[in-house]
Amino acid sequence: MGHETGNAGEVEAQKPKATSILKQTLSGGFGGMCLVAVGHPLDTIKVRLQTMQVVAGQAPLYTGALDCAKKTIAREGVKGLYRGMAAPLIGVTPMYALCFFGYGVGQSLQRTSPDEKLSLFKIWNAGCLSGVFSTAIMVPLERVKCLLQVQTAENKKYNGLWDCGRGVYREEGIRGLYRGTAATALRDVPGSGAYFVAYEFFKRAMSKEGEPLNPAKTLFAGGMAGVFNWLVALPADVVKSRLQTSPEGTYRGLAHCFSDLVQKEGYGALYKGIRPVMLRAFPANAACFLGVEVSLRFLNWVAPGL
């Protein structure tokens, strides 16, 4: 596809066409499943570090990511690292499908022709739109996931995904399930823009026009997309985790949670959990984009006209 032919019409005919929104949606769902399977243990460590309260004069519960992992496994076994996995695994297929659907819609809205190569600025716009699409389904799943992840054997309150969801709804109503919506949007909209821009940038840098990436390059581009996503999204994610796991009434809202966190722990607290985040970001998102690309190739093979 990247090689010239002797006929200009043949070159034109071989220009890569835009992937259909339906294929992007289906492939995004599969990629999300790959992401959760690889990344959840480190996500659990991230949430526990982010929600750990630091009290002056007292030693923190965890001294870092490795200490958190060791204590979690010692107290709860390896399965402790997989607490709350059912929520993202059940929700990740529609959530990532919706994310890639939004990305496809964002691309389509900006294209003037089916084979137009979008600028990175337009890719950013499409990525931000994907974050808007995914936020609606992400918030209640994140609330349940975070509550389950901060549970330990000593303070267990919920017996799994459905019990947690019912408990939150019973105690706080539908608003309880959607606590942290603004923080989630603040995380996912710019974070998704950075996510897709980074992937497209590295993809273009490592391949010729119209030439598909090999698996190793796909893994690298996908991993770097995850790294850039979290560099942008982590401060809002810390605030979101605090909002979603604190007792009702602790914070008046997003601004209050942010100011309270910075006042008590400094601006460095906004990047609390960055080590497990980055350790997770590269392999998990590498797996996600490899899953997306493999799924797209499979769909192009079995249903080229889809």
Protein backbone atom coordinates (compact mmCIF):
# COMPACT_ATOMS: atom_id res chain seq x y z
CA MET A 1 0.00 0.00 0.00
CA GLY A 2 2.90 2.35 0.69
CA HIS A 3 4.66 1.52 -2.66
CA GLU A 4 4.06 3.47 -5.84
CA THR A 5 2.68 1.80 -8.97
CA GLY A 6 3.11 2.89 -12.53
CA ASN A 7 -0.45 4.14 -12.74
CA ALA A 8 -1.72 7.23 -10.93
CA GLY A 9 -5.24 5.81 -10.82
CA GLU A 10 -3.95 2.68 -9.08
CA VAL A 11 -2.14 4.82 -6.52
CA GLU A 12 -5.35 6.70 -5.84
CA ALA A 13 -7.29 3.47 -5.54
CA GLN A 14 -4.81 2.14 -3.00
CA LYS A 15 -5.03 5.09 -0.62
CA PRO A 16 -6.09 3.80 2.81
CA LYS A 17 -9.75 4.41 3.55
CA ALA A 18 -11.10 5.47 6.91
CA THR A 19 -12.06 2.58 9.19
CA SER A 20 -15.82 2.38 9.70
CA ILE A 21 -17.23 3.57 13.03
CA LEU A 22 -18.78 0.13 13.61
CA LYS A 23 -15.42 -1.62 13.26
CA GLN A 24 -13.77 0.92 15.55
CA THR A 25 -16.52 0.36 18.12
CA LEU A 26 -16.22 -3.44 18.11
CA SER A 27 -12.42 -3.34 18.14
CA GLY A 28 -12.37 -0.82 20.96
CA GLY A 29 -14.45 -3.14 23.13
CA PHE A 30 -12.05 -6.03 22.56
CA GLY A 31 -9.05 -3.79 23.21
CA GLY A 32 -10.55 -2.68 26.52
CA MET A 33 -10.89 -6.27 27.67
CA CYS A 34 -7.20 -6.82 26.92
CA LEU A 35 -6.34 -3.70 28.91
CA VAL A 36 -8.18 -4.81 32.04
CA ALA A 37 -6.73 -8.30 31.96
CA VAL A 38 -3.19 -6.91 31.98
CA GLY A 39 -3.52 -3.78 34.09
CA HIS A 40 -5.96 -4.33 36.97
CA PRO A 41 -3.50 -5.39 39.75
CA LEU A 42 -1.51 -2.18 39.35
CA ASP A 43 -4.73 -0.18 39.18
CA THR A 44 -5.68 -1.58 42.60
CA ILE A 45 -2.33 -0.46 44.02
CA LYS A 46 -2.80 2.98 42.45
CA VAL A 47 -6.23 3.47 44.03
CA ARG A 48 -5.06 2.32 47.47
CA LEU A 49 -2.14 4.75 47.39
CA GLN A 50 -4.34 7.61 46.13
CA THR A 51 -6.99 7.14 48.83
CA MET A 52 -4.53 6.62 51.71
CA GLN A 53 -4.96 9.42 54.21
CA VAL A 54 -1.73 10.99 55.48
CA VAL A 55 -1.93 12.11 59.12
CA ALA A 56 0.80 14.29 60.60
CA GLY A 57 2.93 12.40 63.11
CA GLN A 58 1.74 8.97 61.96
CA ALA A 59 3.47 6.58 59.60
CA PRO A 60 1.55 6.09 56.34
CA LEU A 61 -0.19 2.78 55.76
CA TYR A 62 1.96 2.18 52.66
CA THR A 63 5.40 3.60 51.92
CA GLY A 64 5.08 3.09 48.18
CA ALA A 65 3.81 0.89 45.37
CA LEU A 66 5.97 -2.13 46.22
CA ASP A 67 5.09 -1.92 49.92
CA CYS A 68 1.39 -1.69 49.01
CA ALA A 69 1.67 -4.78 46.80
CA LYS A 70 3.52 -6.76 49.48
CA LYS A 71 1.04 -5.89 52.23
CA THR A 72 -1.95 -6.54 50.02
CA ILE A 73 -0.69 -10.00 49.04
CA ALA A 74 0.34 -10.82 52.63
CA ARG A 75 -3.07 -9.90 54.03
CA GLU A 76 -5.41 -10.88 51.21
CA GLY A 77 -3.45 -13.10 48.86
CA VAL A 78 -2.89 -12.42 45.16
CA LYS A 79 -6.66 -12.16 44.67
CA GLY A 80 -6.52 -8.94 46.71
CA LEU A 81 -4.85 -7.28 43.73
CA TYR A 82 -7.83 -8.26 41.61
CA ARG A 83 -10.48 -6.76 43.91
CA GLY A 84 -13.11 -4.87 41.96
CA MET A 85 -12.05 -6.38 38.62
CA ALA A 86 -15.59 -7.50 37.77
CA ALA A 87 -16.77 -3.89 37.49
CA PRO A 88 -14.29 -2.76 34.81
CA LEU A 89 -14.34 -6.14 33.07
CA ILE A 90 -18.14 -6.07 32.74
CA GLY A 91 -18.21 -2.40 31.88
CA VAL A 92 -15.05 -2.18 29.82
CA THR A 93 -16.46 -3.66 26.64
CA PRO A 94 -19.28 -1.10 26.28
CA MET A 95 -17.11 1.65 27.76
CA TYR A 96 -14.18 1.19 25.40
CA ALA A 97 -16.57 0.47 22.56
CA LEU A 98 -18.24 3.81 23.32
CA CYS A 99 -14.84 5.50 23.60
CA PHE A 100 -13.73 4.27 20.17
CA PHE A 101 -17.21 5.00 18.78
CA GLY A 102 -16.82 8.61 19.96
CA TYR A 103 -13.35 8.72 18.44
CA GLY A 104 -14.73 7.45 15.13
CA VAL A 105 -17.55 10.01 15.22
CA GLY A 106 -15.05 12.78 16.00
CA GLN A 107 -12.93 11.76 13.02
CA SER A 108 -15.93 11.54 10.69
CA LEU A 109 -17.18 15.00 11.67
CA GLN A 110 -13.85 16.54 10.67
CA ARG A 111 -13.16 14.61 7.45
CA THR A 112 -13.82 16.25 4.11
CA SER A 113 -13.14 13.02 2.18
CA PRO A 114 -13.02 9.29 3.14
CA ASP A 115 -9.25 9.07 2.59
CA GLU A 116 -8.25 12.36 4.26
CA LYS A 117 -5.33 12.03 6.68
CA LEU A 118 -6.35 14.02 9.73
CA SER A 119 -3.89 16.37 11.41
CA LEU A 120 -2.83 15.62 14.97
CA PHE A 121 -4.93 18.60 16.11
CA LYS A 122 -8.02 16.96 14.60
CA ILE A 123 -7.01 13.66 16.18
CA TRP A 124 -6.88 15.51 19.53
CA ASN A 125 -10.38 16.87 18.95
CA ALA A 126 -11.72 13.40 18.12
CA GLY A 127 -9.99 11.95 21.18
CA CYS A 128 -11.52 14.58 23.47
CA LEU A 129 -14.96 13.76 22.08
CA SER A 130 -14.38 10.09 22.85
CA GLY A 131 -13.81 11.07 26.50
CA VAL A 132 -17.19 12.80 26.58
CA PHE A 133 -18.88 9.66 25.25
CA SER A 134 -17.22 7.31 27.74
CA THR A 135 -17.73 9.42 30.88
CA ALA A 136 -21.44 8.61 31.22
CA ILE A 137 -20.87 4.88 31.54
CA MET A 138 -17.52 5.19 33.32
CA VAL A 139 -18.59 7.11 36.44
CA PRO A 140 -20.77 4.49 38.24
CA LEU A 141 -18.33 1.73 37.33
CA GLU A 142 -15.41 3.76 38.68
CA ARG A 143 -17.32 4.50 41.91
CA VAL A 144 -17.99 0.81 42.53
CA LYS A 145 -14.49 -0.25 41.47
CA CYS A 146 -12.76 2.24 43.75
CA LEU A 147 -14.92 1.34 46.76
CA LEU A 148 -14.14 -2.33 46.28
CA GLN A 149 -10.43 -1.66 45.76
CA VAL A 150 -9.99 0.26 49.02
CA GLN A 151 -11.67 -2.53 50.98
CA THR A 152 -9.32 -4.73 52.95
CA ALA A 153 -9.97 -7.94 54.86
CA GLU A 154 -10.25 -5.85 58.06
CA ASN A 155 -12.79 -3.29 56.78
CA LYS A 156 -14.84 -5.31 54.30
CA LYS A 157 -18.26 -3.78 53.72
CA TYR A 158 -19.39 -5.10 50.33
CA ASN A 159 -19.52 -8.64 48.99
CA GLY A 160 -18.74 -7.96 45.37
CA LEU A 161 -19.83 -5.80 42.47
CA TRP A 162 -23.61 -6.03 42.70
CA ASP A 163 -23.71 -5.77 46.48
CA CYS A 164 -21.59 -2.61 46.32
CA GLY A 165 -23.73 -1.05 43.60
CA ARG A 166 -26.94 -1.82 45.51
CA GLY A 167 -25.44 -0.56 48.75
CA VAL A 168 -24.38 2.78 47.26
CA TYR A 169 -27.77 3.22 45.59
CA ARG A 170 -29.61 2.35 48.82
CA GLU A 171 -27.53 4.75 50.91
CA GLU A 172 -27.03 7.65 48.50
CA GLY A 173 -29.41 7.14 45.57
CA ILE A 174 -28.51 7.52 41.90
CA ARG A 175 -26.44 10.61 42.75
CA GLY A 176 -24.19 8.38 44.82
CA LEU A 177 -23.39 6.20 41.83
CA TYR A 178 -22.56 9.30 39.80
CA ARG A 179 -20.45 10.98 42.47
CA GLY A 180 -17.28 12.24 40.80
CA THR A 181 -18.80 12.90 37.36
CA ALA A 182 -17.10 16.29 36.91
CA ALA A 183 -13.74 14.90 38.03
CA THR A 184 -14.11 11.91 35.69
CA ALA A 185 -14.88 14.21 32.76
CA LEU A 186 -11.95 16.44 33.71
CA ARG A 187 -9.77 13.33 33.64
CA ASP A 188 -11.13 11.57 30.56
CA VAL A 189 -11.71 14.41 28.07
CA PRO A 190 -8.16 15.83 27.88
CA GLY A 191 -6.68 12.45 28.79
CA SER A 192 -8.38 10.80 25.82
CA GLY A 193 -7.18 13.57 23.55
CA ALA A 194 -3.60 12.93 24.64
CA TYR A 195 -4.17 9.17 24.36
CA PHE A 196 -5.14 9.11 20.71
CA VAL A 197 -2.72 11.87 19.67
CA ALA A 198 0.21 9.99 21.20
CA TYR A 199 -0.77 6.72 19.54
CA GLU A 200 -1.20 8.36 16.15
CA PHE A 201 2.06 10.31 16.51
CA PHE A 202 4.15 7.22 17.28
CA LYS A 203 2.27 5.16 14.72
CA ARG A 204 3.07 7.68 11.98
CA ALA A 205 6.67 8.06 13.13
CA MET A 206 7.33 4.32 12.93
CA SER A 207 5.56 3.41 9.67
CA LYS A 208 5.30 4.53 6.08
CA GLU A 209 2.08 6.01 4.67
CA GLY A 210 -0.63 3.34 4.60
CA GLU A 211 1.67 0.63 5.98
CA PRO A 212 0.31 -1.29 9.00
CA LEU A 213 2.43 -1.48 12.14
CA ASN A 214 3.97 -4.78 13.10
CA PRO A 215 2.99 -6.13 16.57
CA ALA A 216 6.14 -4.86 18.30
CA LYS A 217 5.64 -1.29 17.02
CA THR A 218 1.92 -1.46 17.87
CA LEU A 219 2.80 -2.46 21.44
CA PHE A 220 5.26 0.44 21.72
CA ALA A 221 2.87 3.05 20.26
CA GLY A 222 0.03 1.79 22.44
CA GLY A 223 2.21 1.79 25.54
CA MET A 224 3.32 5.37 24.92
CA ALA A 225 -0.30 6.41 24.38
CA GLY A 226 -1.06 5.11 27.87
CA VAL A 227 1.89 6.98 29.37
CA PHE A 228 0.88 10.33 27.83
CA ASN A 229 -2.77 9.76 28.76
CA TRP A 230 -1.90 9.39 32.44
CA LEU A 231 0.56 12.26 32.51
CA VAL A 232 -2.38 14.48 31.56
CA ALA A 233 -5.13 12.68 33.49
CA LEU A 234 -3.54 11.71 36.82
CA PRO A 235 -4.22 14.89 38.87
CA ALA A 236 -7.95 14.72 38.10
CA ASP A 237 -7.89 10.97 38.75
CA VAL A 238 -6.48 11.50 42.26
CA VAL A 239 -9.25 13.98 43.05
CA LYS A 240 -11.84 11.61 41.56
CA SER A 241 -10.64 8.70 43.68
CA ARG A 242 -10.83 10.82 46.85
CA LEU A 243 -14.32 12.03 46.00
CA GLN A 244 -15.61 8.57 45.17
CA THR A 245 -14.26 6.75 48.23
CA SER A 246 -14.81 9.36 50.95
CA PRO A 247 -17.84 9.17 53.28
CA GLU A 248 -20.81 11.21 52.08
CA GLY A 249 -20.51 14.84 53.12
CA THR A 250 -16.71 14.86 53.41
CA TYR A 251 -16.36 17.19 50.43
CA ARG A 252 -18.74 19.80 49.07
CA GLY A 253 -17.62 19.07 45.53
CA LEU A 254 -14.71 18.90 43.12
CA ALA A 255 -13.19 22.29 44.01
CA HIS A 256 -13.41 21.62 47.76
CA CYS A 257 -11.79 18.19 47.38
CA PHE A 258 -8.98 19.67 45.27
CA SER A 259 -8.27 22.55 47.67
CA ASP A 260 -8.42 20.30 50.74
CA LEU A 261 -6.02 17.80 49.16
CA VAL A 262 -3.49 20.47 48.13
CA GLN A 263 -3.73 22.31 51.46
CA LYS A 264 -3.10 19.19 53.53
CA GLU A 265 -0.66 17.26 51.32
CA GLY A 266 0.72 19.73 48.78
CA TYR A 267 0.60 19.70 44.98
CA GLY A 268 2.72 16.57 44.90
CA ALA A 269 -0.32 14.64 46.12
CA LEU A 270 -1.91 15.20 42.70
CA TYR A 271 0.60 12.72 41.30
CA LYS A 272 0.24 10.22 44.12
CA GLY A 273 0.33 6.70 42.72
CA ILE A 274 2.30 7.73 39.64
CA ARG A 275 4.66 4.76 39.87
CA PRO A 276 2.00 2.03 39.68
CA VAL A 277 0.12 4.15 37.15
CA MET A 278 3.09 4.29 34.81
CA LEU A 279 4.03 0.66 35.46
CA ARG A 280 0.49 -0.25 34.45
CA ALA A 281 0.00 2.32 31.69
CA PHE A 282 2.56 0.97 29.26
CA PRO A 283 1.77 -2.78 29.26
CA ALA A 284 -1.99 -2.36 29.72
CA ASN A 285 -2.41 0.12 26.87
CA ALA A 286 0.06 -1.76 24.71
CA ALA A 287 -2.23 -4.77 25.13
CA CYS A 288 -5.28 -2.58 24.42
CA PHE A 289 -4.03 -1.23 21.09
CA LEU A 290 -2.65 -4.59 20.02
CA GLY A 291 -6.10 -6.01 20.72
CA VAL A 292 -7.69 -3.19 18.71
CA GLU A 293 -5.38 -3.67 15.73
CA VAL A 294 -5.74 -7.49 15.74
CA SER A 295 -9.51 -7.13 15.99
CA LEU A 296 -9.59 -4.61 13.11
CA ARG A 297 -7.56 -6.90 10.88
CA PHE A 298 -9.83 -9.81 11.74
CA LEU A 299 -12.94 -7.76 10.94
CA ASN A 300 -11.40 -6.52 7.70
CA TRP A 301 -10.77 -10.16 6.78
CA VAL A 302 -14.17 -11.61 7.68
CA ALA A 303 -16.30 -8.57 6.82
CA PRO A 304 -14.40 -6.16 4.53
CA GLY A 305 -17.57 -4.21 3.73
CA LEU A 306 -18.67 -3.73 7.35
